[in-house]
Structure formats: structure tokens, C-alpha cells
Amino acid sequence: MKPETLNFFDKVYDVAKLIPFGRVTSYGAIANYLGAKRSARMVGYAMNGSTGKDVPAHRVVNRKGLLTGKHHFDGTNLMQQLLESEGVIVIDNQIQHLDSVFWDPSKEL
């Protein structure tokens, strides 16, 4: 990977580490906050590579609240279990009451 890509990933990790317990954000919200509005997919790639970096990747979902990154976690339902342990309700791989648990870094930071 190019050095600028790794730098972007580090910025993504820094934002993801700020997501409060019991809250979620989206790939697009992180990309927008970082000034890279069209880079939601790159944020997803960063989350896929976050293993062992102490990043709460389970708190990052798609814009509709779907657990699209769940297959990158060990175990069948680990992403859902981690969210539920924080009080987030997940039914059929989708965050319930997304508006009430959504954290937008552009508005919060």
C-alpha cells in the first residue's frame, strides 16, 4: 500500500477509537469527517485491517445500520454480540433505532 493510504487508515483508526460505548457510526460518516466524503469504502478497508490495533471496529456499520463488516470478525455473530453487550439492539443484522445510537463525528468532535 502507498504511504498516504496507511496514513488515511491511521486517521480512520483515530476517529473509530472515539466512538462512544453503546453508539455506532458509519463508514461514510468517518470518511466525511476526514474530508474524504467519497471514501466510505476505504474506511471499510481500514476497518477490515484493524485487527490487533485496539479499534472498536464493531461500532462501524453501513449508512442503513447493517452489519456489513460482520464476516471480518471471528465467530459467526461476534460483531452483533459485541454491540449487544453495549446495549445496542440488533435484529437480522441491522441496528434498531439507528437514530438514537448513531454518532456523527462531524457533529460531535
C-alpha atoms as a PDB file:
ATOM      1  CA  MET A   1       0.000   0.000   0.000  1.00  0.00           C
ATOM      2  CA  LYS A   2       1.008   3.566  -0.565  1.00  0.00           C
ATOM      3  CA  PRO A   3       2.155   5.581   2.486  1.00  0.00           C
ATOM      4  CA  GLU A   4      -0.775   8.006   2.082  1.00  0.00           C
ATOM      5  CA  THR A   5      -3.187   5.054   2.285  1.00  0.00           C
ATOM      6  CA  LEU A   6      -1.627   3.899   5.550  1.00  0.00           C
ATOM      7  CA  ASN A   7      -1.818   7.448   6.872  1.00  0.00           C
ATOM      8  CA  PHE A   8      -5.530   7.566   5.971  1.00  0.00           C
ATOM      9  CA  PHE A   9      -6.046   4.247   7.761  1.00  0.00           C
ATOM     10  CA  ASP A  10      -4.388   5.655  10.898  1.00  0.00           C
ATOM     11  CA  LYS A  11      -6.734   8.656  10.769  1.00  0.00           C
ATOM     12  CA  VAL A  12      -9.697   6.284  10.429  1.00  0.00           C
ATOM     13  CA  TYR A  13      -8.496   4.316  13.462  1.00  0.00           C
ATOM     14  CA  ASP A  14      -8.102   7.514  15.483  1.00  0.00           C
ATOM     15  CA  VAL A  15     -11.722   8.502  14.762  1.00  0.00           C
ATOM     16  CA  ALA A  16     -13.063   4.991  15.380  1.00  0.00           C
ATOM     17  CA  LYS A  17     -11.387   4.927  18.799  1.00  0.00           C
ATOM     18  CA  LEU A  18     -13.524   7.945  19.754  1.00  0.00           C
ATOM     19  CA  ILE A  19     -16.876   6.242  19.093  1.00  0.00           C
ATOM     20  CA  PRO A  20     -18.587   6.132  22.487  1.00  0.00           C
ATOM     21  CA  PHE A  21     -19.563   2.860  24.157  1.00  0.00           C
ATOM     22  CA  GLY A  22     -23.070   1.871  23.078  1.00  0.00           C
ATOM     23  CA  ARG A  23     -23.020   4.027  19.954  1.00  0.00           C
ATOM     24  CA  VAL A  24     -22.311   3.340  16.276  1.00  0.00           C
ATOM     25  CA  THR A  25     -21.234   5.342  13.255  1.00  0.00           C
ATOM     26  CA  SER A  26     -20.999   4.646   9.547  1.00  0.00           C
ATOM     27  CA  TYR A  27     -18.142   4.236   7.127  1.00  0.00           C
ATOM     28  CA  GLY A  28     -19.415   7.305   5.286  1.00  0.00           C
ATOM     29  CA  ALA A  29     -19.637   9.442   8.418  1.00  0.00           C
ATOM     30  CA  ILE A  30     -15.982   8.737   9.197  1.00  0.00           C
ATOM     31  CA  ALA A  31     -14.969   9.434   5.584  1.00  0.00           C
ATOM     32  CA  ASN A  32     -16.931  12.686   5.594  1.00  0.00           C
ATOM     33  CA  TYR A  33     -15.340  13.784   8.873  1.00  0.00           C
ATOM     34  CA  LEU A  34     -11.894  13.143   7.405  1.00  0.00           C
ATOM     35  CA  GLY A  35     -12.695  15.296   4.362  1.00  0.00           C
ATOM     36  CA  ALA A  36     -12.875  12.310   2.042  1.00  0.00           C
ATOM     37  CA  LYS A  37     -16.629  12.180   1.509  1.00  0.00           C
ATOM     38  CA  ARG A  38     -16.477   9.580  -1.268  1.00  0.00           C
ATOM     39  CA  SER A  39     -14.110   7.242   0.569  1.00  0.00           C
ATOM     40  CA  ALA A  40     -16.529   5.169   2.655  1.00  0.00           C
ATOM     41  CA  ARG A  41     -15.200   2.009   1.016  1.00  0.00           C
ATOM     42  CA  MET A  42     -11.630   2.927   2.044  1.00  0.00           C
ATOM     43  CA  VAL A  43     -12.875   3.317   5.620  1.00  0.00           C
ATOM     44  CA  GLY A  44     -14.265  -0.197   5.292  1.00  0.00           C
ATOM     45  CA  TYR A  45     -10.895  -1.470   4.121  1.00  0.00           C
ATOM     46  CA  ALA A  46      -9.297   0.225   7.123  1.00  0.00           C
ATOM     47  CA  MET A  47     -11.778  -1.457   9.481  1.00  0.00           C
ATOM     48  CA  ASN A  48     -11.008  -4.832   7.880  1.00  0.00           C
ATOM     49  CA  GLY A  49      -7.348  -4.311   8.695  1.00  0.00           C
ATOM     50  CA  SER A  50      -7.870  -3.062  12.232  1.00  0.00           C
ATOM     51  CA  THR A  51      -7.421  -6.414  13.972  1.00  0.00           C
ATOM     52  CA  GLY A  52      -4.961  -6.108  16.859  1.00  0.00           C
ATOM     53  CA  LYS A  53      -4.996  -2.310  16.793  1.00  0.00           C
ATOM     54  CA  ASP A  54      -7.422  -1.787  19.697  1.00  0.00           C
ATOM     55  CA  VAL A  55     -10.019  -0.265  17.347  1.00  0.00           C
ATOM     56  CA  PRO A  56     -13.725  -0.828  18.122  1.00  0.00           C
ATOM     57  CA  ALA A  57     -14.488  -1.797  14.521  1.00  0.00           C
ATOM     58  CA  HIS A  58     -17.748  -3.437  15.632  1.00  0.00           C
ATOM     59  CA  ARG A  59     -19.153   0.078  16.135  1.00  0.00           C
ATOM     60  CA  VAL A  60     -18.843   0.944  12.432  1.00  0.00           C
ATOM     61  CA  VAL A  61     -21.761  -0.090  10.227  1.00  0.00           C
ATOM     62  CA  ASN A  62     -23.138   0.946   6.859  1.00  0.00           C
ATOM     63  CA  ARG A  63     -25.383   4.010   6.451  1.00  0.00           C
ATOM     64  CA  LYS A  64     -28.518   1.904   6.920  1.00  0.00           C
ATOM     65  CA  GLY A  65     -27.233   0.318  10.109  1.00  0.00           C
ATOM     66  CA  LEU A  66     -26.423  -3.045   8.562  1.00  0.00           C
ATOM     67  CA  LEU A  67     -23.569  -5.124   9.984  1.00  0.00           C
ATOM     68  CA  THR A  68     -21.848  -5.350   6.606  1.00  0.00           C
ATOM     69  CA  GLY A  69     -18.422  -5.976   8.169  1.00  0.00           C
ATOM     70  CA  LYS A  70     -19.517  -8.888  10.346  1.00  0.00           C
ATOM     71  CA  HIS A  71     -17.727 -11.532   8.258  1.00  0.00           C
ATOM     72  CA  HIS A  72     -14.385  -9.940   9.220  1.00  0.00           C
ATOM     73  CA  PHE A  73     -14.898 -10.863  12.879  1.00  0.00           C
ATOM     74  CA  ASP A  74     -14.036 -14.218  14.403  1.00  0.00           C
ATOM     75  CA  GLY A  75     -17.118 -16.300  15.012  1.00  0.00           C
ATOM     76  CA  THR A  76     -20.475 -16.146  13.323  1.00  0.00           C
ATOM     77  CA  ASN A  77     -22.091 -13.389  15.375  1.00  0.00           C
ATOM     78  CA  LEU A  78     -19.202 -11.703  17.200  1.00  0.00           C
ATOM     79  CA  MET A  79     -19.908  -8.226  15.808  1.00  0.00           C
ATOM     80  CA  GLN A  80     -23.542  -8.474  16.878  1.00  0.00           C
ATOM     81  CA  GLN A  81     -22.601  -9.896  20.285  1.00  0.00           C
ATOM     82  CA  LEU A  82     -20.152  -7.046  20.933  1.00  0.00           C
ATOM     83  CA  LEU A  83     -22.784  -4.454  20.019  1.00  0.00           C
ATOM     84  CA  GLU A  84     -25.451  -6.144  22.117  1.00  0.00           C
ATOM     85  CA  SER A  85     -23.061  -6.259  25.087  1.00  0.00           C
ATOM     86  CA  GLU A  86     -23.032  -2.452  24.817  1.00  0.00           C
ATOM     87  CA  GLY A  87     -26.826  -2.243  24.779  1.00  0.00           C
ATOM     88  CA  VAL A  88     -27.250  -1.805  21.011  1.00  0.00           C
ATOM     89  CA  ILE A  89     -30.235  -3.758  19.681  1.00  0.00           C
ATOM     90  CA  VAL A  90     -29.544  -5.780  16.530  1.00  0.00           C
ATOM     91  CA  ILE A  91     -32.204  -7.756  14.665  1.00  0.00           C
ATOM     92  CA  ASP A  92     -31.483  -9.561  11.374  1.00  0.00           C
ATOM     93  CA  ASN A  93     -28.018  -7.964  11.150  1.00  0.00           C
ATOM     94  CA  GLN A  94     -29.450  -4.449  11.421  1.00  0.00           C
ATOM     95  CA  ILE A  95     -29.125  -1.867  14.185  1.00  0.00           C
ATOM     96  CA  GLN A  96     -32.524  -0.997  15.617  1.00  0.00           C
ATOM     97  CA  HIS A  97     -33.338   2.632  16.473  1.00  0.00           C
ATOM     98  CA  LEU A  98     -30.290   3.758  14.494  1.00  0.00           C
ATOM     99  CA  ASP A  99     -31.111   7.449  15.007  1.00  0.00           C
ATOM    100  CA  SER A 100     -30.822   7.101  18.776  1.00  0.00           C
ATOM    101  CA  VAL A 101     -27.447   5.296  18.785  1.00  0.00           C
ATOM    102  CA  PHE A 102     -25.816   6.954  15.778  1.00  0.00           C
ATOM    103  CA  TRP A 103     -22.686   9.008  16.500  1.00  0.00           C
ATOM    104  CA  ASP A 104     -21.656  11.519  13.846  1.00  0.00           C
ATOM    105  CA  PRO A 105     -18.041  12.635  14.322  1.00  0.00           C
ATOM    106  CA  SER A 106     -18.687  15.775  12.257  1.00  0.00           C
ATOM    107  CA  LYS A 107     -21.241  16.917  14.820  1.00  0.00           C
ATOM    108  CA  GLU A 108     -19.624  15.516  17.962  1.00  0.00           C
ATOM    109  CA  LEU A 109     -15.963  16.440  17.519  1.00  0.00           C
END
